[in-house]
Amino acid sequence: MASEATPRVNAKYLDSFTNQTVRILGKVVSLRGETATIDANGSINVHLNRDAHLQLNNAVEVVGKVQQDLSVKVFQATDFGSNIDFNAVEAVVDATHRYKEIFYDSND
């Protein structure tokens, strides 16, 4: 059984992935009930599920579907703590899109 690709993205790539499942690693900058805002090279609003337990200022990896308004409906969220090198995260995201044929199918 093949699994769905979940390309790593940040805020600048969201508009290329509407209605698709993606993976985002960012810093939690606000929490409001069932929504949060994460900073992943720009602000992204995420709609949390009941299993998401985020902490303000911690890094979080979100797997979710990009909505038409470029928010993300969270399927899974993993707290990565506070010791994350976001420069390395950005390098991985950039490599994912520079060499996209390795990581995901593109419609280009």
PDB file of N, CA and C in Angstrom:
ATOM      1  N   MET A   1       0.831  -1.171   0.000  1.00  0.00           N
ATOM      2  CA  MET A   1       0.000   0.000   0.000  1.00  0.00           C
ATOM      3  C   MET A   1       0.885   1.247   0.000  1.00  0.00           C
ATOM      4  N   ALA A   2       0.700   2.128  -0.968  1.00  0.00           N
ATOM      5  CA  ALA A   2       1.487   3.354  -1.062  1.00  0.00           C
ATOM      6  C   ALA A   2       0.923   4.405  -0.120  1.00  0.00           C
ATOM      7  N   SER A   3       1.813   5.152   0.502  1.00  0.00           N
ATOM      8  CA  SER A   3       1.352   6.216   1.383  1.00  0.00           C
ATOM      9  C   SER A   3       1.417   7.546   0.627  1.00  0.00           C
ATOM     10  N   GLU A   4       0.604   8.487   1.063  1.00  0.00           N
ATOM     11  CA  GLU A   4       0.559   9.800   0.439  1.00  0.00           C
ATOM     12  C   GLU A   4       1.807  10.595   0.805  1.00  0.00           C
ATOM     13  N   ALA A   5       2.400  11.255  -0.174  1.00  0.00           N
ATOM     14  CA  ALA A   5       3.552  12.106   0.087  1.00  0.00           C
ATOM     15  C   ALA A   5       3.108  13.310   0.908  1.00  0.00           C
ATOM     16  N   THR A   6       3.933  13.706   1.863  1.00  0.00           N
ATOM     17  CA  THR A   6       3.654  14.906   2.654  1.00  0.00           C
ATOM     18  C   THR A   6       4.877  15.811   2.555  1.00  0.00           C
ATOM     19  N   PRO A   7       4.957  16.585   1.478  1.00  0.00           N
ATOM     20  CA  PRO A   7       6.129  17.444   1.308  1.00  0.00           C
ATOM     21  C   PRO A   7       6.266  18.454   2.439  1.00  0.00           C
ATOM     22  N   ARG A   8       7.517  18.743   2.801  1.00  0.00           N
ATOM     23  CA  ARG A   8       7.791  19.761   3.819  1.00  0.00           C
ATOM     24  C   ARG A   8       7.640  21.134   3.176  1.00  0.00           C
ATOM     25  N   VAL A   9       6.848  21.977   3.816  1.00  0.00           N
ATOM     26  CA  VAL A   9       6.621  23.327   3.294  1.00  0.00           C
ATOM     27  C   VAL A   9       6.740  24.334   4.425  1.00  0.00           C
ATOM     28  N   ASN A  10       6.789  25.596   4.042  1.00  0.00           N
ATOM     29  CA  ASN A  10       6.664  26.689   4.986  1.00  0.00           C
ATOM     30  C   ASN A  10       5.633  27.647   4.407  1.00  0.00           C
ATOM     31  N   ALA A  11       5.485  28.821   5.004  1.00  0.00           N
ATOM     32  CA  ALA A  11       4.422  29.748   4.591  1.00  0.00           C
ATOM     33  C   ALA A  11       4.524  30.135   3.114  1.00  0.00           C
ATOM     34  N   LYS A  12       5.730  30.272   2.598  1.00  0.00           N
ATOM     35  CA  LYS A  12       5.855  30.745   1.215  1.00  0.00           C
ATOM     36  C   LYS A  12       5.427  29.705   0.179  1.00  0.00           C
ATOM     37  N   TYR A  13       5.304  28.450   0.554  1.00  0.00           N
ATOM     38  CA  TYR A  13       4.907  27.399  -0.398  1.00  0.00           C
ATOM     39  C   TYR A  13       3.433  27.005  -0.292  1.00  0.00           C
ATOM     40  N   LEU A  14       2.712  27.524   0.700  1.00  0.00           N
ATOM     41  CA  LEU A  14       1.339  27.066   0.941  1.00  0.00           C
ATOM     42  C   LEU A  14       0.437  27.181  -0.275  1.00  0.00           C
ATOM     43  N   ASP A  15       0.525  28.307  -1.003  1.00  0.00           N
ATOM     44  CA  ASP A  15      -0.395  28.502  -2.130  1.00  0.00           C
ATOM     45  C   ASP A  15      -0.194  27.492  -3.252  1.00  0.00           C
ATOM     46  N   SER A  16       0.929  26.812  -3.276  1.00  0.00           N
ATOM     47  CA  SER A  16       1.167  25.763  -4.286  1.00  0.00           C
ATOM     48  C   SER A  16       0.602  24.411  -3.863  1.00  0.00           C
ATOM     49  N   PHE A  17       0.081  24.327  -2.632  1.00  0.00           N
ATOM     50  CA  PHE A  17      -0.353  23.034  -2.105  1.00  0.00           C
ATOM     51  C   PHE A  17      -1.776  23.056  -1.554  1.00  0.00           C
ATOM     52  N   THR A  18      -2.647  23.931  -2.062  1.00  0.00           N
ATOM     53  CA  THR A  18      -4.025  23.952  -1.567  1.00  0.00           C
ATOM     54  C   THR A  18      -4.692  22.614  -1.841  1.00  0.00           C
ATOM     55  N   ASN A  19      -5.491  22.175  -0.871  1.00  0.00           N
ATOM     56  CA  ASN A  19      -6.201  20.891  -0.906  1.00  0.00           C
ATOM     57  C   ASN A  19      -5.270  19.685  -0.923  1.00  0.00           C
ATOM     58  N   GLN A  20      -4.030  19.871  -0.464  1.00  0.00           N
ATOM     59  CA  GLN A  20      -3.076  18.775  -0.384  1.00  0.00           C
ATOM     60  C   GLN A  20      -2.557  18.640   1.050  1.00  0.00           C
ATOM     61  N   THR A  21      -2.087  17.455   1.366  1.00  0.00           N
ATOM     62  CA  THR A  21      -1.516  17.188   2.688  1.00  0.00           C
ATOM     63  C   THR A  21      -0.035  17.546   2.674  1.00  0.00           C
ATOM     64  N   VAL A  22       0.381  18.302   3.684  1.00  0.00           N
ATOM     65  CA  VAL A  22       1.764  18.763   3.785  1.00  0.00           C
ATOM     66  C   VAL A  22       2.289  18.537   5.205  1.00  0.00           C
ATOM     67  N   ARG A  23       3.573  18.779   5.359  1.00  0.00           N
ATOM     68  CA  ARG A  23       4.261  18.677   6.655  1.00  0.00           C
ATOM     69  C   ARG A  23       4.965  20.013   6.905  1.00  0.00           C
ATOM     70  N   ILE A  24       4.710  20.606   8.068  1.00  0.00           N
ATOM     71  CA  ILE A  24       5.256  21.922   8.395  1.00  0.00           C
ATOM     72  C   ILE A  24       5.896  21.863   9.778  1.00  0.00           C
ATOM     73  N   LEU A  25       7.107  22.398   9.893  1.00  0.00           N
ATOM     74  CA  LEU A  25       7.734  22.530  11.203  1.00  0.00           C
ATOM     75  C   LEU A  25       7.903  24.016  11.483  1.00  0.00           C
ATOM     76  N   GLY A  26       7.279  24.476  12.565  1.00  0.00           N
ATOM     77  CA  GLY A  26       7.345  25.891  12.899  1.00  0.00           C
ATOM     78  C   GLY A  26       7.255  26.105  14.397  1.00  0.00           C
ATOM     79  N   LYS A  27       7.321  27.368  14.790  1.00  0.00           N
ATOM     80  CA  LYS A  27       7.266  27.752  16.199  1.00  0.00           C
ATOM     81  C   LYS A  27       5.865  28.234  16.533  1.00  0.00           C
ATOM     82  N   VAL A  28       5.304  27.737  17.624  1.00  0.00           N
ATOM     83  CA  VAL A  28       3.969  28.144  18.063  1.00  0.00           C
ATOM     84  C   VAL A  28       4.071  29.560  18.621  1.00  0.00           C
ATOM     85  N   VAL A  29       3.359  30.505  17.983  1.00  0.00           N
ATOM     86  CA  VAL A  29       3.412  31.893  18.440  1.00  0.00           C
ATOM     87  C   VAL A  29       2.117  32.348  19.100  1.00  0.00           C
ATOM     88  N   SER A  30       1.014  31.623  18.866  1.00  0.00           N
ATOM     89  CA  SER A  30      -0.216  31.930  19.592  1.00  0.00           C
ATOM     90  C   SER A  30      -1.128  30.716  19.612  1.00  0.00           C
ATOM     91  N   LEU A  31      -1.908  30.624  20.690  1.00  0.00           N
ATOM     92  CA  LEU A  31      -2.894  29.558  20.870  1.00  0.00           C
ATOM     93  C   LEU A  31      -4.218  30.211  21.240  1.00  0.00           C
ATOM     94  N   ARG A  32      -5.287  29.848  20.527  1.00  0.00           N
ATOM     95  CA  ARG A  32      -6.613  30.387  20.809  1.00  0.00           C
ATOM     96  C   ARG A  32      -7.636  29.271  20.622  1.00  0.00           C
ATOM     97  N   GLY A  33      -7.952  28.563  21.687  1.00  0.00           N
ATOM     98  CA  GLY A  33      -8.940  27.488  21.608  1.00  0.00           C
ATOM     99  C   GLY A  33      -8.500  26.385  20.669  1.00  0.00           C
ATOM    100  N   GLU A  34      -9.251  26.190  19.592  1.00  0.00           N
ATOM    101  CA  GLU A  34      -8.940  25.122  18.642  1.00  0.00           C
ATOM    102  C   GLU A  34      -8.132  25.611  17.449  1.00  0.00           C
ATOM    103  N   THR A  35      -7.548  26.813  17.564  1.00  0.00           N
ATOM    104  CA  THR A  35      -6.682  27.325  16.507  1.00  0.00           C
ATOM    105  C   THR A  35      -5.360  27.782  17.113  1.00  0.00           C
ATOM    106  N   ALA A  36      -4.356  27.832  16.270  1.00  0.00           N
ATOM    107  CA  ALA A  36      -3.041  28.318  16.675  1.00  0.00           C
ATOM    108  C   ALA A  36      -2.411  29.005  15.478  1.00  0.00           C
ATOM    109  N   THR A  37      -1.417  29.812  15.760  1.00  0.00           N
ATOM    110  CA  THR A  37      -0.606  30.404  14.707  1.00  0.00           C
ATOM    111  C   THR A  37       0.813  29.920  14.910  1.00  0.00           C
ATOM    112  N   ILE A  38       1.410  29.421  13.840  1.00  0.00           N
ATOM    113  CA  ILE A  38       2.805  29.000  13.903  1.00  0.00           C
ATOM    114  C   ILE A  38       3.610  29.857  12.932  1.00  0.00           C
ATOM    115  N   ASP A  39       4.868  30.061  13.276  1.00  0.00           N
ATOM    116  CA  ASP A  39       5.786  30.790  12.410  1.00  0.00           C
ATOM    117  C   ASP A  39       6.660  29.769  11.699  1.00  0.00           C
ATOM    118  N   ALA A  40       6.461  29.654  10.396  1.00  0.00           N
ATOM    119  CA  ALA A  40       7.275  28.772   9.561  1.00  0.00           C
ATOM    120  C   ALA A  40       7.693  29.605   8.351  1.00  0.00           C
ATOM    121  N   ASN A  41       8.675  30.489   8.564  1.00  0.00           N
ATOM    122  CA  ASN A  41       9.102  31.440   7.542  1.00  0.00           C
ATOM    123  C   ASN A  41       7.928  32.308   7.103  1.00  0.00           C
ATOM    124  N   GLY A  42       7.075  32.643   8.068  1.00  0.00           N
ATOM    125  CA  GLY A  42       5.844  33.401   7.869  1.00  0.00           C
ATOM    126  C   GLY A  42       4.755  32.786   8.728  1.00  0.00           C
ATOM    127  N   SER A  43       3.695  33.527   8.975  1.00  0.00           N
ATOM    128  CA  SER A  43       2.615  33.040   9.845  1.00  0.00           C
ATOM    129  C   SER A  43       1.685  32.087   9.114  1.00  0.00           C
ATOM    130  N   ILE A  44       1.308  31.019   9.809  1.00  0.00           N
ATOM    131  CA  ILE A  44       0.345  30.048   9.286  1.00  0.00           C
ATOM    132  C   ILE A  44      -0.676  29.787  10.381  1.00  0.00           C
ATOM    133  N   ASN A  45      -1.952  29.943  10.051  1.00  0.00           N
ATOM    134  CA  ASN A  45      -3.030  29.604  10.976  1.00  0.00           C
ATOM    135  C   ASN A  45      -3.344  28.123  10.825  1.00  0.00           C
ATOM    136  N   VAL A  46      -3.418  27.431  11.958  1.00  0.00           N
ATOM    137  CA  VAL A  46      -3.723  25.997  11.935  1.00  0.00           C
ATOM    138  C   VAL A  46      -4.960  25.724  12.772  1.00  0.00           C
ATOM    139  N   HIS A  47      -5.796  24.807  12.272  1.00  0.00           N
ATOM    140  CA  HIS A  47      -7.007  24.381  12.964  1.00  0.00           C
ATOM    141  C   HIS A  47      -6.692  23.041  13.610  1.00  0.00           C
ATOM    142  N   LEU A  48      -6.644  23.033  14.930  1.00  0.00           N
ATOM    143  CA  LEU A  48      -6.167  21.879  15.692  1.00  0.00           C
ATOM    144  C   LEU A  48      -7.227  20.794  15.805  1.00  0.00           C
ATOM    145  N   ASN A  49      -6.762  19.567  15.966  1.00  0.00           N
ATOM    146  CA  ASN A  49      -7.665  18.466  16.303  1.00  0.00           C
ATOM    147  C   ASN A  49      -7.585  18.233  17.808  1.00  0.00           C
ATOM    148  N   ARG A  50      -8.410  17.351  18.318  1.00  0.00           N
ATOM    149  CA  ARG A  50      -8.461  17.128  19.773  1.00  0.00           C
ATOM    150  C   ARG A  50      -7.190  16.526  20.346  1.00  0.00           C
ATOM    151  N   ASP A  51      -6.396  15.875  19.503  1.00  0.00           N
ATOM    152  CA  ASP A  51      -5.176  15.236  19.981  1.00  0.00           C
ATOM    153  C   ASP A  51      -3.981  16.182  20.027  1.00  0.00           C
ATOM    154  N   ALA A  52      -4.130  17.384  19.490  1.00  0.00           N
ATOM    155  CA  ALA A  52      -3.016  18.333  19.446  1.00  0.00           C
ATOM    156  C   ALA A  52      -2.843  19.021  20.803  1.00  0.00           C
ATOM    157  N   HIS A  53      -1.655  18.905  21.353  1.00  0.00           N
ATOM    158  CA  HIS A  53      -1.334  19.532  22.636  1.00  0.00           C
ATOM    159  C   HIS A  53      -0.077  20.375  22.427  1.00  0.00           C
ATOM    160  N   LEU A  54      -0.270  21.618  22.010  1.00  0.00           N
ATOM    161  CA  LEU A  54       0.849  22.492  21.692  1.00  0.00           C
ATOM    162  C   LEU A  54       1.205  23.376  22.879  1.00  0.00           C
ATOM    163  N   GLN A  55       2.468  23.783  22.909  1.00  0.00           N
ATOM    164  CA  GLN A  55       2.928  24.716  23.930  1.00  0.00           C
ATOM    165  C   GLN A  55       3.490  25.954  23.253  1.00  0.00           C
ATOM    166  N   LEU A  56       3.125  27.108  23.764  1.00  0.00           N
ATOM    167  CA  LEU A  56       3.589  28.377  23.237  1.00  0.00           C
ATOM    168  C   LEU A  56       5.110  28.421  23.212  1.00  0.00           C
ATOM    169  N   ASN A  57       5.669  28.904  22.123  1.00  0.00           N
ATOM    170  CA  ASN A  57       7.111  29.062  21.882  1.00  0.00           C
ATOM    171  C   ASN A  57       7.861  27.767  21.622  1.00  0.00           C
ATOM    172  N   ASN A  58       7.171  26.629  21.622  1.00  0.00           N
ATOM    173  CA  ASN A  58       7.822  25.376  21.248  1.00  0.00           C
ATOM    174  C   ASN A  58       7.708  25.167  19.746  1.00  0.00           C
ATOM    175  N   ALA A  59       8.595  24.346  19.223  1.00  0.00           N
ATOM    176  CA  ALA A  59       8.499  23.940  17.822  1.00  0.00           C
ATOM    177  C   ALA A  59       7.456  22.835  17.721  1.00  0.00           C
ATOM    178  N   VAL A  60       6.746  22.813  16.608  1.00  0.00           N
ATOM    179  CA  VAL A  60       5.741  21.784  16.377  1.00  0.00           C
ATOM    180  C   VAL A  60       5.825  21.344  14.922  1.00  0.00           C
ATOM    181  N   GLU A  61       5.697  20.046  14.713  1.00  0.00           N
ATOM    182  CA  GLU A  61       5.558  19.535  13.350  1.00  0.00           C
ATOM    183  C   GLU A  61       4.100  19.198  13.137  1.00  0.00           C
ATOM    184  N   VAL A  62       3.534  19.780  12.096  1.00  0.00           N
ATOM    185  CA  VAL A  62       2.131  19.599  11.765  1.00  0.00           C
ATOM    186  C   VAL A  62       2.028  18.844  10.448  1.00  0.00           C
ATOM    187  N   VAL A  63       1.173  17.827  10.417  1.00  0.00           N
ATOM    188  CA  VAL A  63       0.788  17.185   9.168  1.00  0.00           C
ATOM    189  C   VAL A  63      -0.675  17.532   8.992  1.00  0.00           C
ATOM    190  N   GLY A  64      -0.996  18.167   7.872  1.00  0.00           N
ATOM    191  CA  GLY A  64      -2.371  18.588   7.677  1.00  0.00           C
ATOM    192  C   GLY A  64      -2.650  18.982   6.241  1.00  0.00           C
ATOM    193  N   LYS A  65      -3.900  19.337   6.005  1.00  0.00           N
ATOM    194  CA  LYS A  65      -4.360  19.691   4.658  1.00  0.00           C
ATOM    195  C   LYS A  65      -4.471  21.205   4.531  1.00  0.00           C
ATOM    196  N   VAL A  66      -3.869  21.749   3.475  1.00  0.00           N
ATOM    197  CA  VAL A  66      -3.913  23.184   3.210  1.00  0.00           C
ATOM    198  C   VAL A  66      -5.297  23.541   2.671  1.00  0.00           C
ATOM    199  N   GLN A  67      -5.942  24.493   3.329  1.00  0.00           N
ATOM    200  CA  GLN A  67      -7.278  24.939   2.953  1.00  0.00           C
ATOM    201  C   GLN A  67      -7.192  26.063   1.917  1.00  0.00           C
ATOM    202  N   GLN A  68      -8.333  26.417   1.322  1.00  0.00           N
ATOM    203  CA  GLN A  68      -8.381  27.473   0.308  1.00  0.00           C
ATOM    204  C   GLN A  68      -7.855  28.804   0.840  1.00  0.00           C
ATOM    205  N   ASP A  69      -8.096  29.091   2.132  1.00  0.00           N
ATOM    206  CA  ASP A  69      -7.638  30.353   2.726  1.00  0.00           C
ATOM    207  C   ASP A  69      -6.186  30.276   3.225  1.00  0.00           C
ATOM    208  N   LEU A  70      -5.497  29.192   2.870  1.00  0.00           N
ATOM    209  CA  LEU A  70      -4.100  28.917   3.222  1.00  0.00           C
ATOM    210  C   LEU A  70      -3.887  28.628   4.698  1.00  0.00           C
ATOM    211  N   SER A  71      -4.956  28.370   5.427  1.00  0.00           N
ATOM    212  CA  SER A  71      -4.811  27.823   6.771  1.00  0.00           C
ATOM    213  C   SER A  71      -4.609  26.312   6.603  1.00  0.00           C
ATOM    214  N   VAL A  72      -4.296  25.640   7.689  1.00  0.00           N
ATOM    215  CA  VAL A  72      -4.032  24.203   7.621  1.00  0.00           C
ATOM    216  C   VAL A  72      -4.901  23.473   8.628  1.00  0.00           C
ATOM    217  N   LYS A  73      -5.645  22.480   8.155  1.00  0.00           N
ATOM    218  CA  LYS A  73      -6.429  21.607   9.033  1.00  0.00           C
ATOM    219  C   LYS A  73      -5.507  20.485   9.505  1.00  0.00           C
ATOM    220  N   VAL A  74      -5.245  20.449  10.804  1.00  0.00           N
ATOM    221  CA  VAL A  74      -4.257  19.536  11.374  1.00  0.00           C
ATOM    222  C   VAL A  74      -4.812  18.115  11.486  1.00  0.00           C
ATOM    223  N   PHE A  75      -4.051  17.166  10.952  1.00  0.00           N
ATOM    224  CA  PHE A  75      -4.338  15.743  11.153  1.00  0.00           C
ATOM    225  C   PHE A  75      -3.512  15.204  12.314  1.00  0.00           C
ATOM    226  N   GLN A  76      -2.259  15.671  12.402  1.00  0.00           N
ATOM    227  CA  GLN A  76      -1.337  15.212  13.444  1.00  0.00           C
ATOM    228  C   GLN A  76      -0.409  16.365  13.805  1.00  0.00           C
ATOM    229  N   ALA A  77      -0.127  16.523  15.087  1.00  0.00           N
ATOM    230  CA  ALA A  77       0.810  17.549  15.549  1.00  0.00           C
ATOM    231  C   ALA A  77       1.743  16.927  16.575  1.00  0.00           C
ATOM    232  N   THR A  78       3.040  17.165  16.403  1.00  0.00           N
ATOM    233  CA  THR A  78       4.051  16.629  17.307  1.00  0.00           C
ATOM    234  C   THR A  78       4.879  17.771  17.873  1.00  0.00           C
ATOM    235  N   ASP A  79       4.915  17.878  19.192  1.00  0.00           N
ATOM    236  CA  ASP A  79       5.713  18.906  19.864  1.00  0.00           C
ATOM    237  C   ASP A  79       7.187  18.509  19.774  1.00  0.00           C
ATOM    238  N   PHE A  80       8.013  19.413  19.247  1.00  0.00           N
ATOM    239  CA  PHE A  80       9.449  19.163  19.107  1.00  0.00           C
ATOM    240  C   PHE A  80      10.271  19.898  20.154  1.00  0.00           C
ATOM    241  N   GLY A  81       9.609  20.506  21.148  1.00  0.00           N
ATOM    242  CA  GLY A  81      10.331  21.195  22.212  1.00  0.00           C
ATOM    243  C   GLY A  81      10.865  22.542  21.770  1.00  0.00           C
ATOM    244  N   SER A  82      11.854  23.035  22.490  1.00  0.00           N
ATOM    245  CA  SER A  82      12.354  24.390  22.232  1.00  0.00           C
ATOM    246  C   SER A  82      13.770  24.424  21.668  1.00  0.00           C
ATOM    247  N   ASN A  83      14.383  23.272  21.481  1.00  0.00           N
ATOM    248  CA  ASN A  83      15.771  23.230  21.018  1.00  0.00           C
ATOM    249  C   ASN A  83      15.831  22.802  19.544  1.00  0.00           C
ATOM    250  N   ILE A  84      15.364  23.694  18.661  1.00  0.00           N
ATOM    251  CA  ILE A  84      15.316  23.394  17.233  1.00  0.00           C
ATOM    252  C   ILE A  84      16.134  24.430  16.474  1.00  0.00           C
ATOM    253  N   ASP A  85      16.912  23.975  15.518  1.00  0.00           N
ATOM    254  CA  ASP A  85      17.671  24.863  14.647  1.00  0.00           C
ATOM    255  C   ASP A  85      16.803  25.170  13.431  1.00  0.00           C
ATOM    256  N   PHE A  86      16.122  26.308  13.453  1.00  0.00           N
ATOM    257  CA  PHE A  86      15.210  26.648  12.369  1.00  0.00           C
ATOM    258  C   PHE A  86      15.937  26.952  11.064  1.00  0.00           C
ATOM    259  N   ASN A  87      17.222  27.295  11.121  1.00  0.00           N
ATOM    260  CA  ASN A  87      17.995  27.450   9.882  1.00  0.00           C
ATOM    261  C   ASN A  87      18.129  26.103   9.179  1.00  0.00           C
ATOM    262  N   ALA A  88      18.339  25.050   9.949  1.00  0.00           N
ATOM    263  CA  ALA A  88      18.404  23.708   9.363  1.00  0.00           C
ATOM    264  C   ALA A  88      17.050  23.298   8.799  1.00  0.00           C
ATOM    265  N   VAL A  89      15.979  23.645   9.502  1.00  0.00           N
ATOM    266  CA  VAL A  89      14.628  23.338   9.017  1.00  0.00           C
ATOM    267  C   VAL A  89      14.402  24.003   7.667  1.00  0.00           C
ATOM    268  N   GLU A  90      14.767  25.274   7.553  1.00  0.00           N
ATOM    269  CA  GLU A  90      14.585  25.996   6.287  1.00  0.00           C
ATOM    270  C   GLU A  90      15.430  25.388   5.180  1.00  0.00           C
ATOM    271  N   ALA A  91      16.623  24.921   5.502  1.00  0.00           N
ATOM    272  CA  ALA A  91      17.479  24.281   4.494  1.00  0.00           C
ATOM    273  C   ALA A  91      16.826  23.001   3.965  1.00  0.00           C
ATOM    274  N   VAL A  92      16.194  22.251   4.851  1.00  0.00           N
ATOM    275  CA  VAL A  92      15.510  21.021   4.423  1.00  0.00           C
ATOM    276  C   VAL A  92      14.311  21.354   3.540  1.00  0.00           C
ATOM    277  N   VAL A  93      13.534  22.366   3.932  1.00  0.00           N
ATOM    278  CA  VAL A  93      12.384  22.780   3.116  1.00  0.00           C
ATOM    279  C   VAL A  93      12.867  23.219   1.735  1.00  0.00           C
ATOM    280  N   ASP A  94      13.907  24.038   1.682  1.00  0.00           N
ATOM    281  CA  ASP A  94      14.425  24.498   0.395  1.00  0.00           C
ATOM    282  C   ASP A  94      14.909  23.337  -0.467  1.00  0.00           C
ATOM    283  N   ALA A  95      15.611  22.385   0.136  1.00  0.00           N
ATOM    284  CA  ALA A  95      16.081  21.211  -0.615  1.00  0.00           C
ATOM    285  C   ALA A  95      14.910  20.376  -1.124  1.00  0.00           C
ATOM    286  N   THR A  96      13.848  20.297  -0.316  1.00  0.00           N
ATOM    287  CA  THR A  96      12.664  19.536  -0.728  1.00  0.00           C
ATOM    288  C   THR A  96      12.099  20.081  -2.029  1.00  0.00           C
ATOM    289  N   HIS A  97      12.101  21.383  -2.194  1.00  0.00           N
ATOM    290  CA  HIS A  97      11.510  21.985  -3.387  1.00  0.00           C
ATOM    291  C   HIS A  97      12.514  22.162  -4.518  1.00  0.00           C
ATOM    292  N   ARG A  98      13.771  22.250  -4.203  1.00  0.00           N
ATOM    293  CA  ARG A  98      14.803  22.306  -5.240  1.00  0.00           C
ATOM    294  C   ARG A  98      14.924  20.955  -5.932  1.00  0.00           C
ATOM    295  N   TYR A  99      14.785  19.884  -5.175  1.00  0.00           N
ATOM    296  CA  TYR A  99      14.898  18.522  -5.712  1.00  0.00           C
ATOM    297  C   TYR A  99      13.580  17.785  -5.538  1.00  0.00           C
ATOM    298  N   LYS A 100      12.480  18.441  -5.933  1.00  0.00           N
ATOM    299  CA  LYS A 100      11.147  17.912  -5.662  1.00  0.00           C
ATOM    300  C   LYS A 100      10.892  16.535  -6.258  1.00  0.00           C
ATOM    301  N   GLU A 101      11.561  16.194  -7.346  1.00  0.00           N
ATOM    302  CA  GLU A 101      11.345  14.867  -7.941  1.00  0.00           C
ATOM    303  C   GLU A 101      11.707  13.744  -6.979  1.00  0.00           C
ATOM    304  N   ILE A 102      12.538  14.023  -6.008  1.00  0.00           N
ATOM    305  CA  ILE A 102      12.898  13.018  -5.000  1.00  0.00           C
ATOM    306  C   ILE A 102      11.815  12.906  -3.932  1.00  0.00           C
ATOM    307  N   PHE A 103      11.171  14.047  -3.595  1.00  0.00           N
ATOM    308  CA  PHE A 103      10.298  14.098  -2.429  1.00  0.00           C
ATOM    309  C   PHE A 103       8.809  14.019  -2.717  1.00  0.00           C
ATOM    310  N   TYR A 104       8.361  14.485  -3.868  1.00  0.00           N
ATOM    311  CA  TYR A 104       6.933  14.483  -4.153  1.00  0.00           C
ATOM    312  C   TYR A 104       6.701  14.651  -5.651  1.00  0.00           C
ATOM    313  N   ASP A 105       5.498  14.263  -6.089  1.00  0.00           N
ATOM    314  CA  ASP A 105       5.104  14.444  -7.483  1.00  0.00           C
ATOM    315  C   ASP A 105       4.636  15.872  -7.685  1.00  0.00           C
ATOM    316  N   SER A 106       5.174  16.514  -8.686  1.00  0.00           N
ATOM    317  CA  SER A 106       4.815  17.905  -8.972  1.00  0.00           C
ATOM    318  C   SER A 106       3.988  17.959 -10.244  1.00  0.00           C
ATOM    319  N   ASN A 107       3.102  18.934 -10.326  1.00  0.00           N
ATOM    320  CA  ASN A 107       2.303  19.114 -11.528  1.00  0.00           C
ATOM    321  C   ASN A 107       2.967  20.052 -12.519  1.00  0.00           C
ATOM    322  N   ASP A 108       4.251  20.391 -12.286  1.00  0.00           N
ATOM    323  CA  ASP A 108       4.974  21.302 -13.188  1.00  0.00           C
ATOM    324  C   ASP A 108       5.257  20.636 -14.506  1.00  0.00           C
TER     325      ASP A 108
END
